[in-house]
Amino acid sequence: MEERDPWLGTDKLYHVIMCFCLTLLFYTLVSFTSFRRHAIPIGSVLSLLAGAAKEAADHLGYFRSSGASLKDALADLLGVFIASFALFLFRPPRRSISSIV
């Protein structure tokens, strides 16, 4: 199985990019709700859940793949970490109530 699931394969890049994008998408969606103060962790968790669901579907045979992979899960985690870190660094500053009034 090691040969069919390399650490630096294009599949791992796809996992990183997909979870990165999902984290940004979920962050954006959550930021429009009353939970906007927690948009980064909520977006991260939702993205990880999507990655875990995809791995579970791989394990159950819903997709033509070699099955669930710890390497895929770690690539998902890396994508979420990169997106969360970028969002943390570049998020807009919070406005205080006194600046609104």
PDB file of N, CA and C in Angstrom:
ATOM      1  N   MET A   1       0.825  -1.199   0.000  1.00  0.00           N
ATOM      2  CA  MET A   1       0.000   0.000   0.000  1.00  0.00           C
ATOM      3  C   MET A   1       0.865   1.256   0.000  1.00  0.00           C
ATOM      4  N   GLU A   2       2.057   1.169   0.497  1.00  0.00           N
ATOM      5  CA  GLU A   2       2.946   2.327   0.561  1.00  0.00           C
ATOM      6  C   GLU A   2       3.200   2.910  -0.825  1.00  0.00           C
ATOM      7  N   GLU A   3       3.361   2.061  -1.829  1.00  0.00           N
ATOM      8  CA  GLU A   3       3.638   2.551  -3.175  1.00  0.00           C
ATOM      9  C   GLU A   3       2.417   3.234  -3.791  1.00  0.00           C
ATOM     10  N   ARG A   4       1.224   2.782  -3.459  1.00  0.00           N
ATOM     11  CA  ARG A   4       0.007   3.367  -4.033  1.00  0.00           C
ATOM     12  C   ARG A   4      -0.421   4.632  -3.309  1.00  0.00           C
ATOM     13  N   ASP A   5       0.171   4.925  -2.170  1.00  0.00           N
ATOM     14  CA  ASP A   5      -0.244   6.075  -1.370  1.00  0.00           C
ATOM     15  C   ASP A   5       0.980   6.867  -0.915  1.00  0.00           C
ATOM     16  N   PRO A   6       1.679   7.516  -1.870  1.00  0.00           N
ATOM     17  CA  PRO A   6       2.901   8.245  -1.503  1.00  0.00           C
ATOM     18  C   PRO A   6       2.580   9.518  -0.713  1.00  0.00           C
ATOM     19  N   TRP A   7       3.506   9.900   0.150  1.00  0.00           N
ATOM     20  CA  TRP A   7       3.332  11.113   0.945  1.00  0.00           C
ATOM     21  C   TRP A   7       3.243  12.363   0.084  1.00  0.00           C
ATOM     22  N   LEU A   8       3.982  12.399  -1.004  1.00  0.00           N
ATOM     23  CA  LEU A   8       4.038  13.607  -1.828  1.00  0.00           C
ATOM     24  C   LEU A   8       3.324  13.445  -3.167  1.00  0.00           C
ATOM     25  N   GLY A   9       2.286  12.650  -3.183  1.00  0.00           N
ATOM     26  CA  GLY A   9       1.527  12.459  -4.423  1.00  0.00           C
ATOM     27  C   GLY A   9       0.552  13.600  -4.669  1.00  0.00           C
ATOM     28  N   THR A  10       0.029  13.645  -5.888  1.00  0.00           N
ATOM     29  CA  THR A  10      -0.935  14.699  -6.220  1.00  0.00           C
ATOM     30  C   THR A  10      -2.218  14.560  -5.408  1.00  0.00           C
ATOM     31  N   ASP A  11      -2.548  13.351  -5.000  1.00  0.00           N
ATOM     32  CA  ASP A  11      -3.740  13.144  -4.172  1.00  0.00           C
ATOM     33  C   ASP A  11      -3.627  13.914  -2.857  1.00  0.00           C
ATOM     34  N   LYS A  12      -2.441  13.923  -2.267  1.00  0.00           N
ATOM     35  CA  LYS A  12      -2.258  14.651  -1.001  1.00  0.00           C
ATOM     36  C   LYS A  12      -2.377  16.150  -1.224  1.00  0.00           C
ATOM     37  N   LEU A  13      -1.874  16.626  -2.360  1.00  0.00           N
ATOM     38  CA  LEU A  13      -2.017  18.046  -2.699  1.00  0.00           C
ATOM     39  C   LEU A  13      -3.494  18.407  -2.851  1.00  0.00           C
ATOM     40  N   TYR A  14      -4.261  17.520  -3.491  1.00  0.00           N
ATOM     41  CA  TYR A  14      -5.697  17.763  -3.628  1.00  0.00           C
ATOM     42  C   TYR A  14      -6.383  17.840  -2.269  1.00  0.00           C
ATOM     43  N   HIS A  15      -5.980  16.968  -1.343  1.00  0.00           N
ATOM     44  CA  HIS A  15      -6.555  16.995   0.001  1.00  0.00           C
ATOM     45  C   HIS A  15      -6.234  18.304   0.708  1.00  0.00           C
ATOM     46  N   VAL A  16      -4.993  18.758   0.601  1.00  0.00           N
ATOM     47  CA  VAL A  16      -4.595  20.018   1.240  1.00  0.00           C
ATOM     48  C   VAL A  16      -5.395  21.179   0.650  1.00  0.00           C
ATOM     49  N   ILE A  17      -5.461  21.244  -0.670  1.00  0.00           N
ATOM     50  CA  ILE A  17      -6.164  22.350  -1.330  1.00  0.00           C
ATOM     51  C   ILE A  17      -7.653  22.312  -1.017  1.00  0.00           C
ATOM     52  N   MET A  18      -8.255  21.133  -1.037  1.00  0.00           N
ATOM     53  CA  MET A  18      -9.694  21.034  -0.788  1.00  0.00           C
ATOM     54  C   MET A  18     -10.043  21.463   0.636  1.00  0.00           C
ATOM     55  N   CYS A  19      -9.291  20.984   1.610  1.00  0.00           N
ATOM     56  CA  CYS A  19      -9.602  21.368   2.993  1.00  0.00           C
ATOM     57  C   CYS A  19      -9.268  22.834   3.256  1.00  0.00           C
ATOM     58  N   PHE A  20      -8.252  23.346   2.583  1.00  0.00           N
ATOM     59  CA  PHE A  20      -7.945  24.775   2.670  1.00  0.00           C
ATOM     60  C   PHE A  20      -9.152  25.585   2.178  1.00  0.00           C
ATOM     61  N   CYS A  21      -9.654  25.225   1.005  1.00  0.00           N
ATOM     62  CA  CYS A  21     -10.789  25.939   0.417  1.00  0.00           C
ATOM     63  C   CYS A  21     -12.064  25.766   1.235  1.00  0.00           C
ATOM     64  N   LEU A  22     -12.296  24.560   1.731  1.00  0.00           N
ATOM     65  CA  LEU A  22     -13.482  24.335   2.560  1.00  0.00           C
ATOM     66  C   LEU A  22     -13.429  25.153   3.844  1.00  0.00           C
ATOM     67  N   THR A  23     -12.247  25.264   4.436  1.00  0.00           N
ATOM     68  CA  THR A  23     -12.106  26.066   5.647  1.00  0.00           C
ATOM     69  C   THR A  23     -12.435  27.523   5.355  1.00  0.00           C
ATOM     70  N   LEU A  24     -11.934  28.042   4.243  1.00  0.00           N
ATOM     71  CA  LEU A  24     -12.252  29.424   3.867  1.00  0.00           C
ATOM     72  C   LEU A  24     -13.743  29.599   3.591  1.00  0.00           C
ATOM     73  N   LEU A  25     -14.336  28.631   2.903  1.00  0.00           N
ATOM     74  CA  LEU A  25     -15.767  28.700   2.601  1.00  0.00           C
ATOM     75  C   LEU A  25     -16.601  28.682   3.887  1.00  0.00           C
ATOM     76  N   PHE A  26     -16.331  27.714   4.765  1.00  0.00           N
ATOM     77  CA  PHE A  26     -17.105  27.621   6.001  1.00  0.00           C
ATOM     78  C   PHE A  26     -16.870  28.835   6.896  1.00  0.00           C
ATOM     79  N   TYR A  27     -15.642  29.351   6.928  1.00  0.00           N
ATOM     80  CA  TYR A  27     -15.355  30.575   7.679  1.00  0.00           C
ATOM     81  C   TYR A  27     -16.226  31.717   7.167  1.00  0.00           C
ATOM     82  N   THR A  28     -16.287  31.859   5.850  1.00  0.00           N
ATOM     83  CA  THR A  28     -17.064  32.941   5.248  1.00  0.00           C
ATOM     84  C   THR A  28     -18.543  32.794   5.582  1.00  0.00           C
ATOM     85  N   LEU A  29     -19.057  31.581   5.464  1.00  0.00           N
ATOM     86  CA  LEU A  29     -20.477  31.357   5.762  1.00  0.00           C
ATOM     87  C   LEU A  29     -20.793  31.626   7.229  1.00  0.00           C
ATOM     88  N   VAL A  30     -19.944  31.162   8.123  1.00  0.00           N
ATOM     89  CA  VAL A  30     -20.176  31.356   9.559  1.00  0.00           C
ATOM     90  C   VAL A  30     -20.034  32.831   9.933  1.00  0.00           C
ATOM     91  N   SER A  31     -19.187  33.564   9.233  1.00  0.00           N
ATOM     92  CA  SER A  31     -18.982  34.974   9.579  1.00  0.00           C
ATOM     93  C   SER A  31     -20.232  35.820   9.331  1.00  0.00           C
ATOM     94  N   PHE A  32     -21.200  35.296   8.596  1.00  0.00           N
ATOM     95  CA  PHE A  32     -22.458  36.003   8.381  1.00  0.00           C
ATOM     96  C   PHE A  32     -23.512  35.658   9.424  1.00  0.00           C
ATOM     97  N   THR A  33     -23.165  34.823  10.397  1.00  0.00           N
ATOM     98  CA  THR A  33     -24.110  34.424  11.436  1.00  0.00           C
ATOM     99  C   THR A  33     -23.759  35.106  12.751  1.00  0.00           C
ATOM    100  N   SER A  34     -24.534  34.813  13.766  1.00  0.00           N
ATOM    101  CA  SER A  34     -24.240  35.368  15.093  1.00  0.00           C
ATOM    102  C   SER A  34     -23.020  34.707  15.736  1.00  0.00           C
ATOM    103  N   PHE A  35     -22.484  33.662  15.115  1.00  0.00           N
ATOM    104  CA  PHE A  35     -21.293  32.977  15.643  1.00  0.00           C
ATOM    105  C   PHE A  35     -20.007  33.512  15.021  1.00  0.00           C
ATOM    106  N   ARG A  36     -20.052  34.700  14.427  1.00  0.00           N
ATOM    107  CA  ARG A  36     -18.915  35.234  13.683  1.00  0.00           C
ATOM    108  C   ARG A  36     -17.640  35.348  14.512  1.00  0.00           C
ATOM    109  N   ARG A  37     -17.760  35.521  15.831  1.00  0.00           N
ATOM    110  CA  ARG A  37     -16.555  35.612  16.672  1.00  0.00           C
ATOM    111  C   ARG A  37     -15.788  34.297  16.703  1.00  0.00           C
ATOM    112  N   HIS A  38     -16.475  33.209  16.386  1.00  0.00           N
ATOM    113  CA  HIS A  38     -15.862  31.884  16.421  1.00  0.00           C
ATOM    114  C   HIS A  38     -15.787  31.277  15.020  1.00  0.00           C
ATOM    115  N   ALA A  39     -15.756  32.117  14.012  1.00  0.00           N
ATOM    116  CA  ALA A  39     -15.824  31.632  12.632  1.00  0.00           C
ATOM    117  C   ALA A  39     -14.615  30.781  12.255  1.00  0.00           C
ATOM    118  N   ILE A  40     -13.429  31.118  12.747  1.00  0.00           N
ATOM    119  CA  ILE A  40     -12.244  30.329  12.376  1.00  0.00           C
ATOM    120  C   ILE A  40     -12.316  28.917  12.951  1.00  0.00           C
ATOM    121  N   PRO A  41     -12.551  28.758  14.267  1.00  0.00           N
ATOM    122  CA  PRO A  41     -12.621  27.372  14.758  1.00  0.00           C
ATOM    123  C   PRO A  41     -13.807  26.585  14.209  1.00  0.00           C
ATOM    124  N   ILE A  42     -14.940  27.235  14.034  1.00  0.00           N
ATOM    125  CA  ILE A  42     -16.095  26.524  13.487  1.00  0.00           C
ATOM    126  C   ILE A  42     -15.834  26.115  12.042  1.00  0.00           C
ATOM    127  N   GLY A  43     -15.282  27.017  11.242  1.00  0.00           N
ATOM    128  CA  GLY A  43     -14.945  26.688   9.864  1.00  0.00           C
ATOM    129  C   GLY A  43     -13.930  25.566   9.779  1.00  0.00           C
ATOM    130  N   SER A  44     -12.970  25.568  10.696  1.00  0.00           N
ATOM    131  CA  SER A  44     -11.948  24.514  10.732  1.00  0.00           C
ATOM    132  C   SER A  44     -12.559  23.157  11.073  1.00  0.00           C
ATOM    133  N   VAL A  45     -13.406  23.138  12.080  1.00  0.00           N
ATOM    134  CA  VAL A  45     -14.044  21.874  12.486  1.00  0.00           C
ATOM    135  C   VAL A  45     -14.939  21.335  11.378  1.00  0.00           C
ATOM    136  N   LEU A  46     -15.706  22.214  10.743  1.00  0.00           N
ATOM    137  CA  LEU A  46     -16.580  21.756   9.658  1.00  0.00           C
ATOM    138  C   LEU A  46     -15.768  21.192   8.491  1.00  0.00           C
ATOM    139  N   SER A  47     -14.655  21.814   8.196  1.00  0.00           N
ATOM    140  CA  SER A  47     -13.798  21.312   7.119  1.00  0.00           C
ATOM    141  C   SER A  47     -13.207  19.959   7.484  1.00  0.00           C
ATOM    142  N   LEU A  48     -12.762  19.806   8.732  1.00  0.00           N
ATOM    143  CA  LEU A  48     -12.230  18.513   9.168  1.00  0.00           C
ATOM    144  C   LEU A  48     -13.310  17.429   9.140  1.00  0.00           C
ATOM    145  N   LEU A  49     -14.533  17.805   9.499  1.00  0.00           N
ATOM    146  CA  LEU A  49     -15.634  16.836   9.436  1.00  0.00           C
ATOM    147  C   LEU A  49     -15.913  16.415   7.996  1.00  0.00           C
ATOM    148  N   ALA A  50     -15.828  17.357   7.069  1.00  0.00           N
ATOM    149  CA  ALA A  50     -16.015  17.012   5.651  1.00  0.00           C
ATOM    150  C   ALA A  50     -14.909  16.069   5.186  1.00  0.00           C
ATOM    151  N   GLY A  51     -13.670  16.337   5.599  1.00  0.00           N
ATOM    152  CA  GLY A  51     -12.560  15.448   5.244  1.00  0.00           C
ATOM    153  C   GLY A  51     -12.728  14.064   5.853  1.00  0.00           C
ATOM    154  N   ALA A  52     -13.184  14.023   7.108  1.00  0.00           N
ATOM    155  CA  ALA A  52     -13.405  12.736   7.765  1.00  0.00           C
ATOM    156  C   ALA A  52     -14.539  11.958   7.097  1.00  0.00           C
ATOM    157  N   ALA A  53     -15.578  12.674   6.678  1.00  0.00           N
ATOM    158  CA  ALA A  53     -16.684  12.020   5.979  1.00  0.00           C
ATOM    159  C   ALA A  53     -16.216  11.434   4.656  1.00  0.00           C
ATOM    160  N   LYS A  54     -15.347  12.150   3.962  1.00  0.00           N
ATOM    161  CA  LYS A  54     -14.816  11.649   2.697  1.00  0.00           C
ATOM    162  C   LYS A  54     -13.971  10.405   2.936  1.00  0.00           C
ATOM    163  N   GLU A  55     -13.150  10.406   3.990  1.00  0.00           N
ATOM    164  CA  GLU A  55     -12.344   9.230   4.312  1.00  0.00           C
ATOM    165  C   GLU A  55     -13.227   8.045   4.711  1.00  0.00           C
ATOM    166  N   ALA A  56     -14.299   8.303   5.448  1.00  0.00           N
ATOM    167  CA  ALA A  56     -15.233   7.238   5.816  1.00  0.00           C
ATOM    168  C   ALA A  56     -15.895   6.657   4.564  1.00  0.00           C
ATOM    169  N   ALA A  57     -16.261   7.530   3.624  1.00  0.00           N
ATOM    170  CA  ALA A  57     -16.861   7.060   2.373  1.00  0.00           C
ATOM    171  C   ALA A  57     -15.851   6.241   1.570  1.00  0.00           C
ATOM    172  N   ASP A  58     -14.568   6.652   1.587  1.00  0.00           N
ATOM    173  CA  ASP A  58     -13.520   5.861   0.935  1.00  0.00           C
ATOM    174  C   ASP A  58     -13.426   4.474   1.563  1.00  0.00           C
ATOM    175  N   HIS A  59     -13.459   4.441   2.883  1.00  0.00           N
ATOM    176  CA  HIS A  59     -13.351   3.166   3.601  1.00  0.00           C
ATOM    177  C   HIS A  59     -14.533   2.240   3.284  1.00  0.00           C
ATOM    178  N   LEU A  60     -15.704   2.832   3.130  1.00  0.00           N
ATOM    179  CA  LEU A  60     -16.904   2.039   2.853  1.00  0.00           C
ATOM    180  C   LEU A  60     -17.049   1.689   1.375  1.00  0.00           C
ATOM    181  N   GLY A  61     -16.172   2.236   0.543  1.00  0.00           N
ATOM    182  CA  GLY A  61     -16.177   1.883  -0.867  1.00  0.00           C
ATOM    183  C   GLY A  61     -17.083   2.713  -1.746  1.00  0.00           C
ATOM    184  N   TYR A  62     -17.508   3.868  -1.282  1.00  0.00           N
ATOM    185  CA  TYR A  62     -18.372   4.720  -2.100  1.00  0.00           C
ATOM    186  C   TYR A  62     -17.628   5.381  -3.254  1.00  0.00           C
ATOM    187  N   PHE A  63     -16.317   5.530  -3.124  1.00  0.00           N
ATOM    188  CA  PHE A  63     -15.498   6.112  -4.184  1.00  0.00           C
ATOM    189  C   PHE A  63     -14.479   5.085  -4.635  1.00  0.00           C
ATOM    190  N   ARG A  64     -14.080   5.182  -5.900  1.00  0.00           N
ATOM    191  CA  ARG A  64     -13.038   4.291  -6.389  1.00  0.00           C
ATOM    192  C   ARG A  64     -11.695   4.823  -5.903  1.00  0.00           C
ATOM    193  N   SER A  65     -11.221   4.290  -4.812  1.00  0.00           N
ATOM    194  CA  SER A  65      -9.927   4.697  -4.258  1.00  0.00           C
ATOM    195  C   SER A  65      -9.345   3.496  -3.528  1.00  0.00           C
ATOM    196  N   SER A  66      -8.173   3.688  -2.990  1.00  0.00           N
ATOM    197  CA  SER A  66      -7.522   2.588  -2.274  1.00  0.00           C
ATOM    198  C   SER A  66      -8.028   2.470  -0.843  1.00  0.00           C
ATOM    199  N   GLY A  67      -9.051   3.214  -0.487  1.00  0.00           N
ATOM    200  CA  GLY A  67      -9.607   3.150   0.859  1.00  0.00           C
ATOM    201  C   GLY A  67      -9.158   4.337   1.691  1.00  0.00           C
ATOM    202  N   ALA A  68      -9.579   4.320   2.941  1.00  0.00           N
ATOM    203  CA  ALA A  68      -9.220   5.394   3.860  1.00  0.00           C
ATOM    204  C   ALA A  68      -7.720   5.383   4.106  1.00  0.00           C
ATOM    205  N   SER A  69      -7.172   6.558   4.326  1.00  0.00           N
ATOM    206  CA  SER A  69      -5.734   6.673   4.485  1.00  0.00           C
ATOM    207  C   SER A  69      -5.410   7.682   5.577  1.00  0.00           C
ATOM    208  N   LEU A  70      -4.519   7.310   6.457  1.00  0.00           N
ATOM    209  CA  LEU A  70      -4.044   8.233   7.482  1.00  0.00           C
ATOM    210  C   LEU A  70      -3.311   9.398   6.825  1.00  0.00           C
ATOM    211  N   LYS A  71      -2.616   9.134   5.739  1.00  0.00           N
ATOM    212  CA  LYS A  71      -1.901  10.192   5.028  1.00  0.00           C
ATOM    213  C   LYS A  71      -2.878  11.219   4.455  1.00  0.00           C
ATOM    214  N   ASP A  72      -4.006  10.751   3.948  1.00  0.00           N
ATOM    215  CA  ASP A  72      -5.026  11.674   3.451  1.00  0.00           C
ATOM    216  C   ASP A  72      -5.566  12.545   4.588  1.00  0.00           C
ATOM    217  N   ALA A  73      -5.815  11.925   5.725  1.00  0.00           N
ATOM    218  CA  ALA A  73      -6.326  12.666   6.877  1.00  0.00           C
ATOM    219  C   ALA A  73      -5.310  13.710   7.348  1.00  0.00           C
ATOM    220  N   LEU A  74      -4.034  13.363   7.335  1.00  0.00           N
ATOM    221  CA  LEU A  74      -3.006  14.325   7.730  1.00  0.00           C
ATOM    222  C   LEU A  74      -2.884  15.453   6.709  1.00  0.00           C
ATOM    223  N   ALA A  75      -3.075  15.145   5.443  1.00  0.00           N
ATOM    224  CA  ALA A  75      -3.076  16.191   4.413  1.00  0.00           C
ATOM    225  C   ALA A  75      -4.278  17.123   4.610  1.00  0.00           C
ATOM    226  N   ASP A  76      -5.432  16.555   4.976  1.00  0.00           N
ATOM    227  CA  ASP A  76      -6.602  17.375   5.293  1.00  0.00           C
ATOM    228  C   ASP A  76      -6.291  18.309   6.461  1.00  0.00           C
ATOM    229  N   LEU A  77      -5.692  17.757   7.482  1.00  0.00           N
ATOM    230  CA  LEU A  77      -5.341  18.543   8.668  1.00  0.00           C
ATOM    231  C   LEU A  77      -4.376  19.671   8.312  1.00  0.00           C
ATOM    232  N   LEU A  78      -3.416  19.403   7.448  1.00  0.00           N
ATOM    233  CA  LEU A  78      -2.473  20.424   7.019  1.00  0.00           C
ATOM    234  C   LEU A  78      -3.188  21.556   6.271  1.00  0.00           C
ATOM    235  N   GLY A  79      -4.113  21.216   5.397  1.00  0.00           N
ATOM    236  CA  GLY A  79      -4.875  22.237   4.678  1.00  0.00           C
ATOM    237  C   GLY A  79      -5.689  23.114   5.613  1.00  0.00           C
ATOM    238  N   VAL A  80      -6.308  22.495   6.615  1.00  0.00           N
ATOM    239  CA  VAL A  80      -7.093  23.250   7.595  1.00  0.00           C
ATOM    240  C   VAL A  80      -6.173  24.146   8.424  1.00  0.00           C
ATOM    241  N   PHE A  81      -5.015  23.615   8.818  1.00  0.00           N
ATOM    242  CA  PHE A  81      -4.079  24.403   9.613  1.00  0.00           C
ATOM    243  C   PHE A  81      -3.578  25.625   8.840  1.00  0.00           C
ATOM    244  N   ILE A  82      -3.216  25.441   7.596  1.00  0.00           N
ATOM    245  CA  ILE A  82      -2.718  26.557   6.779  1.00  0.00           C
ATOM    246  C   ILE A  82      -3.803  27.622   6.622  1.00  0.00           C
ATOM    247  N   ALA A  83      -5.027  27.200   6.330  1.00  0.00           N
ATOM    248  CA  ALA A  83      -6.125  28.159   6.160  1.00  0.00           C
ATOM    249  C   ALA A  83      -6.433  28.873   7.472  1.00  0.00           C
ATOM    250  N   SER A  84      -6.481  28.146   8.568  1.00  0.00           N
ATOM    251  CA  SER A  84      -6.778  28.760   9.869  1.00  0.00           C
ATOM    252  C   SER A  84      -5.708  29.757  10.264  1.00  0.00           C
ATOM    253  N   PHE A  85      -4.456  29.407  10.022  1.00  0.00           N
ATOM    254  CA  PHE A  85      -3.357  30.302  10.345  1.00  0.00           C
ATOM    255  C   PHE A  85      -3.428  31.567   9.488  1.00  0.00           C
ATOM    256  N   ALA A  86      -3.707  31.410   8.204  1.00  0.00           N
ATOM    257  CA  ALA A  86      -3.826  32.564   7.313  1.00  0.00           C
ATOM    258  C   ALA A  86      -5.003  33.454   7.729  1.00  0.00           C
ATOM    259  N   LEU A  87      -6.121  32.835   8.075  1.00  0.00           N
ATOM    260  CA  LEU A  87      -7.275  33.616   8.519  1.00  0.00           C
ATOM    261  C   LEU A  87      -6.966  34.352   9.816  1.00  0.00           C
ATOM    262  N   PHE A  88      -6.255  33.700  10.710  1.00  0.00           N
ATOM    263  CA  PHE A  88      -5.891  34.342  11.970  1.00  0.00           C
ATOM    264  C   PHE A  88      -4.982  35.546  11.724  1.00  0.00           C
ATOM    265  N   LEU A  89      -4.035  35.405  10.803  1.00  0.00           N
ATOM    266  CA  LEU A  89      -3.099  36.497  10.530  1.00  0.00           C
ATOM    267  C   LEU A  89      -3.745  37.655   9.793  1.00  0.00           C
ATOM    268  N   PHE A  90      -4.658  37.370   8.871  1.00  0.00           N
ATOM    269  CA  PHE A  90      -5.187  38.398   7.981  1.00  0.00           C
ATOM    270  C   PHE A  90      -6.642  38.756   8.211  1.00  0.00           C
ATOM    271  N   ARG A  91      -7.225  38.337   9.313  1.00  0.00           N
ATOM    272  CA  ARG A  91      -8.628  38.687   9.551  1.00  0.00           C
ATOM    273  C   ARG A  91      -8.741  40.178   9.843  1.00  0.00           C
ATOM    274  N   PRO A  92      -9.876  40.769   9.487  1.00  0.00           N
ATOM    275  CA  PRO A  92     -10.049  42.202   9.748  1.00  0.00           C
ATOM    276  C   PRO A  92     -10.151  42.458  11.247  1.00  0.00           C
ATOM    277  N   PRO A  93      -9.699  43.613  11.691  1.00  0.00           N
ATOM    278  CA  PRO A  93      -9.780  43.906  13.134  1.00  0.00           C
ATOM    279  C   PRO A  93     -11.236  44.015  13.570  1.00  0.00           C
ATOM    280  N   ARG A  94     -11.474  43.621  14.800  1.00  0.00           N
ATOM    281  CA  ARG A  94     -12.835  43.719  15.345  1.00  0.00           C
ATOM    282  C   ARG A  94     -13.127  45.167  15.684  1.00  0.00           C
ATOM    283  N   ARG A  95     -14.364  45.555  15.418  1.00  0.00           N
ATOM    284  CA  ARG A  95     -14.769  46.907  15.773  1.00  0.00           C
ATOM    285  C   ARG A  95     -15.357  46.888  17.182  1.00  0.00           C
ATOM    286  N   SER A  96     -15.000  47.842  17.968  1.00  0.00           N
ATOM    287  CA  SER A  96     -15.562  47.920  19.305  1.00  0.00           C
ATOM    288  C   SER A  96     -16.918  48.641  19.230  1.00  0.00           C
ATOM    289  N   ILE A  97     -17.723  48.473  20.230  1.00  0.00           N
ATOM    290  CA  ILE A  97     -19.043  49.089  20.256  1.00  0.00           C
ATOM    291  C   ILE A  97     -18.907  50.609  20.305  1.00  0.00           C
ATOM    292  N   SER A  98     -17.893  51.099  20.998  1.00  0.00           N
ATOM    293  CA  SER A  98     -17.727  52.553  21.106  1.00  0.00           C
ATOM    294  C   SER A  98     -17.398  53.194  19.749  1.00  0.00           C
ATOM    295  N   SER A  99     -16.758  52.468  18.849  1.00  0.00           N
ATOM    296  CA  SER A  99     -16.460  53.041  17.537  1.00  0.00           C
ATOM    297  C   SER A  99     -17.666  53.053  16.621  1.00  0.00           C
ATOM    298  N   ILE A 100     -18.660  52.235  16.928  1.00  0.00           N
ATOM    299  CA  ILE A 100     -19.884  52.185  16.132  1.00  0.00           C
ATOM    300  C   ILE A 100     -20.831  53.304  16.523  1.00  0.00           C
ATOM    301  N   VAL A 101     -20.902  53.603  17.808  1.00  0.00           N
ATOM    302  CA  VAL A 101     -21.847  54.599  18.327  1.00  0.00           C
ATOM    303  C   VAL A 101     -21.367  55.979  18.123  1.00  0.00           C
TER     304      VAL A 101
END
